[in-house]
Amino acid sequence: MIKNLSVTVGEGRYRVELYAGITADGVVCQLYGGTKPHVGAVVLSLPRPSLQNSRLISCNSSVLPRLGHKDDEIAKPLAEELARQLNQPVVLVAGLHIDEATAEEIQLLCRHCRQAVEQFLNHPERDTITPVK
């Protein structure tokens, strides 16, 4: 059974939407925002025991950025955060764009992305996710 959750942060051209399909053994996320949602990068993050401290969770991640896009710069750390927190494999597809964005606008979109992930992780319905051992 797949459970679907979504989170929205921000408004107008700074709106970010996170959609998550939660399965018994992994989460598939789509993170879109700005004025032109698209496919800009794909990340697969696999949780594993940290090499420095086996009581901590770390990740191995594979990143596929679309040529000419920088969506992987926000997608990778967010996919890894989700994988660590959920202790499950995570696939994250990201695409955020604002034409001629200023540095401040990019920072705002990135902040909204981090807030969307935080809201997802704290979502009351997310508690039904059970990591597979």
C-alpha atoms as a PDB file:
ATOM      1  CA  MET A   1       0.000   0.000   0.000  1.00  0.00           C
ATOM      2  CA  ILE A   2       1.271   3.475  -0.874  1.00  0.00           C
ATOM      3  CA  LYS A   3       0.428   6.512   1.220  1.00  0.00           C
ATOM      4  CA  ASN A   4       0.606   9.935  -0.454  1.00  0.00           C
ATOM      5  CA  LEU A   5       1.303  13.151   1.428  1.00  0.00           C
ATOM      6  CA  SER A   6       1.935  16.675   0.213  1.00  0.00           C
ATOM      7  CA  VAL A   7       3.269  19.846   1.800  1.00  0.00           C
ATOM      8  CA  THR A   8       3.246  23.389   0.446  1.00  0.00           C
ATOM      9  CA  VAL A   9       5.391  26.299   1.667  1.00  0.00           C
ATOM     10  CA  GLY A  10       5.378  29.871   0.393  1.00  0.00           C
ATOM     11  CA  GLU A  11       3.215  31.730  -2.088  1.00  0.00           C
ATOM     12  CA  GLY A  12       3.324  32.935  -5.661  1.00  0.00           C
ATOM     13  CA  ARG A  13       6.664  32.605  -7.378  1.00  0.00           C
ATOM     14  CA  TYR A  14       8.246  31.420  -4.114  1.00  0.00           C
ATOM     15  CA  ARG A  15       5.818  28.525  -3.602  1.00  0.00           C
ATOM     16  CA  VAL A  16       7.393  25.094  -3.103  1.00  0.00           C
ATOM     17  CA  GLU A  17       5.461  21.822  -3.169  1.00  0.00           C
ATOM     18  CA  LEU A  18       6.683  18.480  -1.853  1.00  0.00           C
ATOM     19  CA  TYR A  19       4.780  15.357  -2.845  1.00  0.00           C
ATOM     20  CA  ALA A  20       5.725  12.057  -1.239  1.00  0.00           C
ATOM     21  CA  GLY A  21       4.678   8.519  -2.043  1.00  0.00           C
ATOM     22  CA  ILE A  22       5.404   6.420   1.023  1.00  0.00           C
ATOM     23  CA  THR A  23       5.880   2.694   0.447  1.00  0.00           C
ATOM     24  CA  ALA A  24       6.729  -0.143   2.815  1.00  0.00           C
ATOM     25  CA  ASP A  25      10.390   0.139   1.806  1.00  0.00           C
ATOM     26  CA  GLY A  26      11.164   3.632   0.602  1.00  0.00           C
ATOM     27  CA  VAL A  27       9.830   7.076  -0.174  1.00  0.00           C
ATOM     28  CA  VAL A  28       9.527   8.697  -3.607  1.00  0.00           C
ATOM     29  CA  CYS A  29       9.438  12.504  -3.434  1.00  0.00           C
ATOM     30  CA  GLN A  30       8.819  15.247  -5.954  1.00  0.00           C
ATOM     31  CA  LEU A  31       9.958  18.767  -5.044  1.00  0.00           C
ATOM     32  CA  TYR A  32       8.788  21.528  -7.357  1.00  0.00           C
ATOM     33  CA  GLY A  33       8.614  25.289  -7.139  1.00  0.00           C
ATOM     34  CA  GLY A  34       9.048  28.738  -8.519  1.00  0.00           C
ATOM     35  CA  THR A  35       7.548  29.821 -11.807  1.00  0.00           C
ATOM     36  CA  LYS A  36       8.556  26.761 -13.831  1.00  0.00           C
ATOM     37  CA  PRO A  37       8.328  23.411 -12.014  1.00  0.00           C
ATOM     38  CA  HIS A  38      10.277  20.790 -13.954  1.00  0.00           C
ATOM     39  CA  VAL A  39      12.593  17.803 -13.725  1.00  0.00           C
ATOM     40  CA  GLY A  40      16.014  19.247 -12.934  1.00  0.00           C
ATOM     41  CA  ALA A  41      17.693  16.500 -10.901  1.00  0.00           C
ATOM     42  CA  VAL A  42      17.085  13.048  -9.488  1.00  0.00           C
ATOM     43  CA  VAL A  43      18.715  11.736  -6.305  1.00  0.00           C
ATOM     44  CA  LEU A  44      18.651   8.252  -4.802  1.00  0.00           C
ATOM     45  CA  SER A  45      19.808   8.201  -1.159  1.00  0.00           C
ATOM     46  CA  LEU A  46      20.343   4.932   0.654  1.00  0.00           C
ATOM     47  CA  PRO A  47      20.747   5.023   4.446  1.00  0.00           C
ATOM     48  CA  ARG A  48      23.546   3.045   6.086  1.00  0.00           C
ATOM     49  CA  PRO A  49      25.453   3.042   9.391  1.00  0.00           C
ATOM     50  CA  SER A  50      27.960   5.880   9.569  1.00  0.00           C
ATOM     51  CA  LEU A  51      31.563   4.836   8.967  1.00  0.00           C
ATOM     52  CA  GLN A  52      32.708   7.070  11.843  1.00  0.00           C
ATOM     53  CA  ASN A  53      30.015   6.109  14.356  1.00  0.00           C
ATOM     54  CA  SER A  54      27.909   3.018  13.668  1.00  0.00           C
ATOM     55  CA  ARG A  55      25.167   4.345  15.976  1.00  0.00           C
ATOM     56  CA  LEU A  56      24.522   7.171  13.489  1.00  0.00           C
ATOM     57  CA  ILE A  57      22.874   6.948  10.073  1.00  0.00           C
ATOM     58  CA  SER A  58      24.667   8.226   7.001  1.00  0.00           C
ATOM     59  CA  CYS A  59      23.860   7.843   3.293  1.00  0.00           C
ATOM     60  CA  ASN A  60      25.204   6.783  -0.041  1.00  0.00           C
ATOM     61  CA  SER A  61      23.669   8.926  -2.757  1.00  0.00           C
ATOM     62  CA  SER A  62      23.574   8.830  -6.527  1.00  0.00           C
ATOM     63  CA  VAL A  63      22.800  12.124  -8.235  1.00  0.00           C
ATOM     64  CA  LEU A  64      21.619  12.684 -11.806  1.00  0.00           C
ATOM     65  CA  PRO A  65      21.520  16.410 -12.603  1.00  0.00           C
ATOM     66  CA  ARG A  66      19.949  17.588 -15.817  1.00  0.00           C
ATOM     67  CA  LEU A  67      22.477  19.348 -18.036  1.00  0.00           C
ATOM     68  CA  GLY A  68      22.520  23.074 -17.307  1.00  0.00           C
ATOM     69  CA  HIS A  69      20.496  22.763 -14.096  1.00  0.00           C
ATOM     70  CA  LYS A  70      21.560  23.191 -10.474  1.00  0.00           C
ATOM     71  CA  ASP A  71      18.579  21.528  -8.772  1.00  0.00           C
ATOM     72  CA  ASP A  72      20.919  18.798  -7.474  1.00  0.00           C
ATOM     73  CA  GLU A  73      22.497  21.325  -5.095  1.00  0.00           C
ATOM     74  CA  ILE A  74      19.326  21.404  -2.980  1.00  0.00           C
ATOM     75  CA  ALA A  75      18.043  17.927  -3.879  1.00  0.00           C
ATOM     76  CA  LYS A  76      21.024  15.919  -2.586  1.00  0.00           C
ATOM     77  CA  PRO A  77      21.164  17.294   0.971  1.00  0.00           C
ATOM     78  CA  LEU A  78      17.375  17.082   1.296  1.00  0.00           C
ATOM     79  CA  ALA A  79      17.219  13.500  -0.012  1.00  0.00           C
ATOM     80  CA  GLU A  80      19.964  12.535   2.425  1.00  0.00           C
ATOM     81  CA  GLU A  81      18.173  14.224   5.328  1.00  0.00           C
ATOM     82  CA  LEU A  82      14.997  12.330   4.491  1.00  0.00           C
ATOM     83  CA  ALA A  83      16.848   9.006   4.158  1.00  0.00           C
ATOM     84  CA  ARG A  84      18.643   9.516   7.492  1.00  0.00           C
ATOM     85  CA  GLN A  85      15.512  10.576   9.360  1.00  0.00           C
ATOM     86  CA  LEU A  86      13.300   7.848   7.881  1.00  0.00           C
ATOM     87  CA  ASN A  87      16.046   5.205   7.721  1.00  0.00           C
ATOM     88  CA  GLN A  88      14.646   4.211   4.337  1.00  0.00           C
ATOM     89  CA  PRO A  89      15.700   4.623   0.708  1.00  0.00           C
ATOM     90  CA  VAL A  90      14.578   7.953  -0.742  1.00  0.00           C
ATOM     91  CA  VAL A  91      14.243   9.063  -4.354  1.00  0.00           C
ATOM     92  CA  LEU A  92      13.870  12.810  -4.793  1.00  0.00           C
ATOM     93  CA  VAL A  93      13.052  14.487  -8.109  1.00  0.00           C
ATOM     94  CA  ALA A  94      13.551  18.246  -7.936  1.00  0.00           C
ATOM     95  CA  GLY A  95      12.829  21.135 -10.257  1.00  0.00           C
ATOM     96  CA  LEU A  96      12.675  24.756  -9.119  1.00  0.00           C
ATOM     97  CA  HIS A  97      13.020  27.788 -11.334  1.00  0.00           C
ATOM     98  CA  ILE A  98      12.516  31.550 -11.362  1.00  0.00           C
ATOM     99  CA  ASP A  99      13.620  33.484 -14.447  1.00  0.00           C
ATOM    100  CA  GLU A 100      16.592  35.750 -13.709  1.00  0.00           C
ATOM    101  CA  ALA A 101      16.419  34.912  -9.991  1.00  0.00           C
ATOM    102  CA  THR A 102      18.486  36.984  -7.603  1.00  0.00           C
ATOM    103  CA  ALA A 103      20.669  35.339  -4.967  1.00  0.00           C
ATOM    104  CA  GLU A 104      18.067  36.309  -2.368  1.00  0.00           C
ATOM    105  CA  GLU A 105      15.261  34.656  -4.352  1.00  0.00           C
ATOM    106  CA  ILE A 106      17.278  31.454  -4.698  1.00  0.00           C
ATOM    107  CA  GLN A 107      17.969  31.478  -0.952  1.00  0.00           C
ATOM    108  CA  LEU A 108      14.246  31.945  -0.264  1.00  0.00           C
ATOM    109  CA  LEU A 109      13.298  29.015  -2.525  1.00  0.00           C
ATOM    110  CA  CYS A 110      15.935  26.838  -0.826  1.00  0.00           C
ATOM    111  CA  ARG A 111      14.646  27.866   2.608  1.00  0.00           C
ATOM    112  CA  HIS A 112      11.115  26.933   1.522  1.00  0.00           C
ATOM    113  CA  CYS A 113      12.425  23.559   0.308  1.00  0.00           C
ATOM    114  CA  ARG A 114      14.023  22.861   3.689  1.00  0.00           C
ATOM    115  CA  GLN A 115      10.827  23.943   5.460  1.00  0.00           C
ATOM    116  CA  ALA A 116       8.749  21.627   3.248  1.00  0.00           C
ATOM    117  CA  VAL A 117      10.978  18.665   4.169  1.00  0.00           C
ATOM    118  CA  GLU A 118      10.778  19.600   7.854  1.00  0.00           C
ATOM    119  CA  GLN A 119       6.983  19.831   7.676  1.00  0.00           C
ATOM    120  CA  PHE A 120       6.839  16.459   5.930  1.00  0.00           C
ATOM    121  CA  LEU A 121       9.036  14.853   8.587  1.00  0.00           C
ATOM    122  CA  ASN A 122       6.795  16.320  11.303  1.00  0.00           C
ATOM    123  CA  HIS A 123       3.522  15.536   9.507  1.00  0.00           C
ATOM    124  CA  PRO A 124       1.162  13.653  11.872  1.00  0.00           C
ATOM    125  CA  GLU A 125       0.195  11.133   9.191  1.00  0.00           C
ATOM    126  CA  ARG A 126       3.846  10.363   8.465  1.00  0.00           C
ATOM    127  CA  ASP A 127       4.044   8.429  11.749  1.00  0.00           C
ATOM    128  CA  THR A 128       2.558   5.430   9.981  1.00  0.00           C
ATOM    129  CA  ILE A 129       5.871   4.929   8.151  1.00  0.00           C
ATOM    130  CA  THR A 130       7.670   1.905   9.561  1.00  0.00           C
ATOM    131  CA  PRO A 131      11.285   1.384   8.517  1.00  0.00           C
ATOM    132  CA  VAL A 132      12.053  -2.072   7.185  1.00  0.00           C
ATOM    133  CA  LYS A 133      14.798  -3.777   9.215  1.00  0.00           C
END
